[in-house]
C-alpha atoms as a PDB file:
ATOM      1  CA  MET A   1       0.000   0.000   0.000  1.00  0.00           C
ATOM      2  CA  PRO A   2       1.529   3.348  -1.005  1.00  0.00           C
ATOM      3  CA  TYR A   3       1.908   5.968   1.680  1.00  0.00           C
ATOM      4  CA  LEU A   4       1.752   8.940  -0.687  1.00  0.00           C
ATOM      5  CA  PRO A   5      -0.782   9.634  -3.403  1.00  0.00           C
ATOM      6  CA  GLN A   6       0.755   9.229  -6.877  1.00  0.00           C
ATOM      7  CA  LYS A   7       0.487  12.962  -7.685  1.00  0.00           C
ATOM      8  CA  VAL A   8       2.276  13.951  -4.478  1.00  0.00           C
ATOM      9  CA  TYR A   9       5.000  11.387  -5.126  1.00  0.00           C
ATOM     10  CA  GLU A  10       5.544  12.611  -8.692  1.00  0.00           C
ATOM     11  CA  TRP A  11       5.607  16.228  -7.508  1.00  0.00           C
ATOM     12  CA  LEU A  12       8.220  15.449  -4.842  1.00  0.00           C
ATOM     13  CA  ARG A  13      10.280  13.412  -7.296  1.00  0.00           C
ATOM     14  CA  TRP A  14      10.234  16.370  -9.724  1.00  0.00           C
ATOM     15  CA  ILE A  15      11.391  18.697  -6.923  1.00  0.00           C
ATOM     16  CA  VAL A  16      14.252  16.341  -5.987  1.00  0.00           C
ATOM     17  CA  SER A  17      15.396  15.615  -9.549  1.00  0.00           C
ATOM     18  CA  ILE A  18      14.919  19.037 -11.209  1.00  0.00           C
ATOM     19  CA  VAL A  19      14.323  21.930  -8.817  1.00  0.00           C
ATOM     20  CA  ILE A  20      16.870  21.235  -6.072  1.00  0.00           C
ATOM     21  CA  PRO A  21      19.797  20.594  -8.457  1.00  0.00           C
ATOM     22  CA  ALA A  22      18.904  23.754 -10.392  1.00  0.00           C
ATOM     23  CA  LEU A  23      18.828  25.776  -7.170  1.00  0.00           C
ATOM     24  CA  ILE A  24      22.189  24.322  -6.124  1.00  0.00           C
ATOM     25  CA  VAL A  25      23.756  25.421  -9.417  1.00  0.00           C
ATOM     26  CA  LEU A  26      22.118  28.847  -9.187  1.00  0.00           C
ATOM     27  CA  TYR A  27      23.421  29.366  -5.661  1.00  0.00           C
ATOM     28  CA  GLY A  28      26.869  28.172  -6.693  1.00  0.00           C
ATOM     29  CA  VAL A  29      27.120  30.606  -9.582  1.00  0.00           C
ATOM     30  CA  ILE A  30      25.799  33.542  -7.575  1.00  0.00           C
ATOM     31  CA  GLY A  31      27.836  32.629  -4.495  1.00  0.00           C
ATOM     32  CA  ASN A  32      31.097  32.318  -6.407  1.00  0.00           C
ATOM     33  CA  THR A  33      30.450  35.460  -8.441  1.00  0.00           C
ATOM     34  CA  LEU A  34      29.703  37.534  -5.350  1.00  0.00           C
ATOM     35  CA  GLN A  35      32.320  35.719  -3.264  1.00  0.00           C
ATOM     36  CA  ILE A  36      29.795  34.738  -0.591  1.00  0.00           C
ATOM     37  CA  PRO A  37      31.609  33.044   2.290  1.00  0.00           C
ATOM     38  CA  TYR A  38      31.196  29.281   2.713  1.00  0.00           C
ATOM     39  CA  THR A  39      29.643  28.817  -0.738  1.00  0.00           C
ATOM     40  CA  GLU A  40      31.536  25.550  -1.211  1.00  0.00           C
ATOM     41  CA  VAL A  41      30.332  24.232   2.145  1.00  0.00           C
ATOM     42  CA  VAL A  42      26.708  25.052   1.316  1.00  0.00           C
ATOM     43  CA  LEU A  43      27.037  23.431  -2.121  1.00  0.00           C
ATOM     44  CA  THR A  44      28.574  20.286  -0.653  1.00  0.00           C
ATOM     45  CA  ILE A  45      25.849  19.898   1.958  1.00  0.00           C
ATOM     46  CA  ALA A  46      23.023  20.696  -0.476  1.00  0.00           C
ATOM     47  CA  GLY A  47      24.433  18.276  -3.023  1.00  0.00           C
ATOM     48  CA  ALA A  48      24.700  15.522  -0.423  1.00  0.00           C
ATOM     49  CA  VAL A  49      21.108  16.091   0.701  1.00  0.00           C
ATOM     50  CA  ASP A  50      19.882  15.968  -2.893  1.00  0.00           C
ATOM     51  CA  VAL A  51      21.794  12.753  -3.627  1.00  0.00           C
ATOM     52  CA  PHE A  52      20.352  11.212  -0.446  1.00  0.00           C
ATOM     53  CA  LEU A  53      16.787  12.168  -1.405  1.00  0.00           C
ATOM     54  CA  GLY A  54      17.314  11.001  -4.974  1.00  0.00           C
ATOM     55  CA  THR A  55      18.547   7.638  -3.725  1.00  0.00           C
ATOM     56  CA  ILE A  56      15.549   7.235  -1.424  1.00  0.00           C
ATOM     57  CA  PHE A  57      13.135   8.093  -4.241  1.00  0.00           C
ATOM     58  CA  GLY A  58      14.977   5.775  -6.636  1.00  0.00           C
ATOM     59  CA  ILE A  59      14.798   2.837  -4.223  1.00  0.00           C
ATOM     60  CA  SER A  60      11.146   3.610  -3.585  1.00  0.00           C
ATOM     61  CA  LYS A  61      10.431   3.638  -7.330  1.00  0.00           C
ATOM     62  CA  ILE A  62      12.168   0.291  -7.845  1.00  0.00           C
ATOM     63  CA  ALA A  63      10.239  -1.291  -4.958  1.00  0.00           C
ATOM     64  CA  TYR A  64       6.954   0.158  -6.231  1.00  0.00           C
ATOM     65  CA  ASP A  65       7.550  -1.088  -9.771  1.00  0.00           C
ATOM     66  CA  LYS A  66       8.510  -4.523  -8.441  1.00  0.00           C
ATOM     67  CA  SER A  67       5.331  -4.739  -6.362  1.00  0.00           C
ATOM     68  CA  LYS A  68       3.245  -3.765  -9.389  1.00  0.00           C
ATOM     69  CA  LEU A  69       4.830  -6.563 -11.431  1.00  0.00           C
ATOM     70  CA  GLU A  70       4.126  -9.095  -8.676  1.00  0.00           C
ATOM     71  CA  ASP A  71       0.466  -8.007  -8.506  1.00  0.00           C
ATOM     72  CA  LYS A  72      -0.084  -8.978 -12.145  1.00  0.00           C
END
């Protein structure tokens, strides 16, 4: 039984795979251009969080697809 409605899941997956990486790049460009302190630290942490979330969503997708195949 899924815990999230399909639309919510797809919306969150879009945020994790498109929006967050784009924001990380945007912050990196602006931070380096304006020489904002600790830009590299923020980018490293944000990138790690995004990879973690992407991995969780990827594992969830594989498990969901597998369960759908077993239901048939």
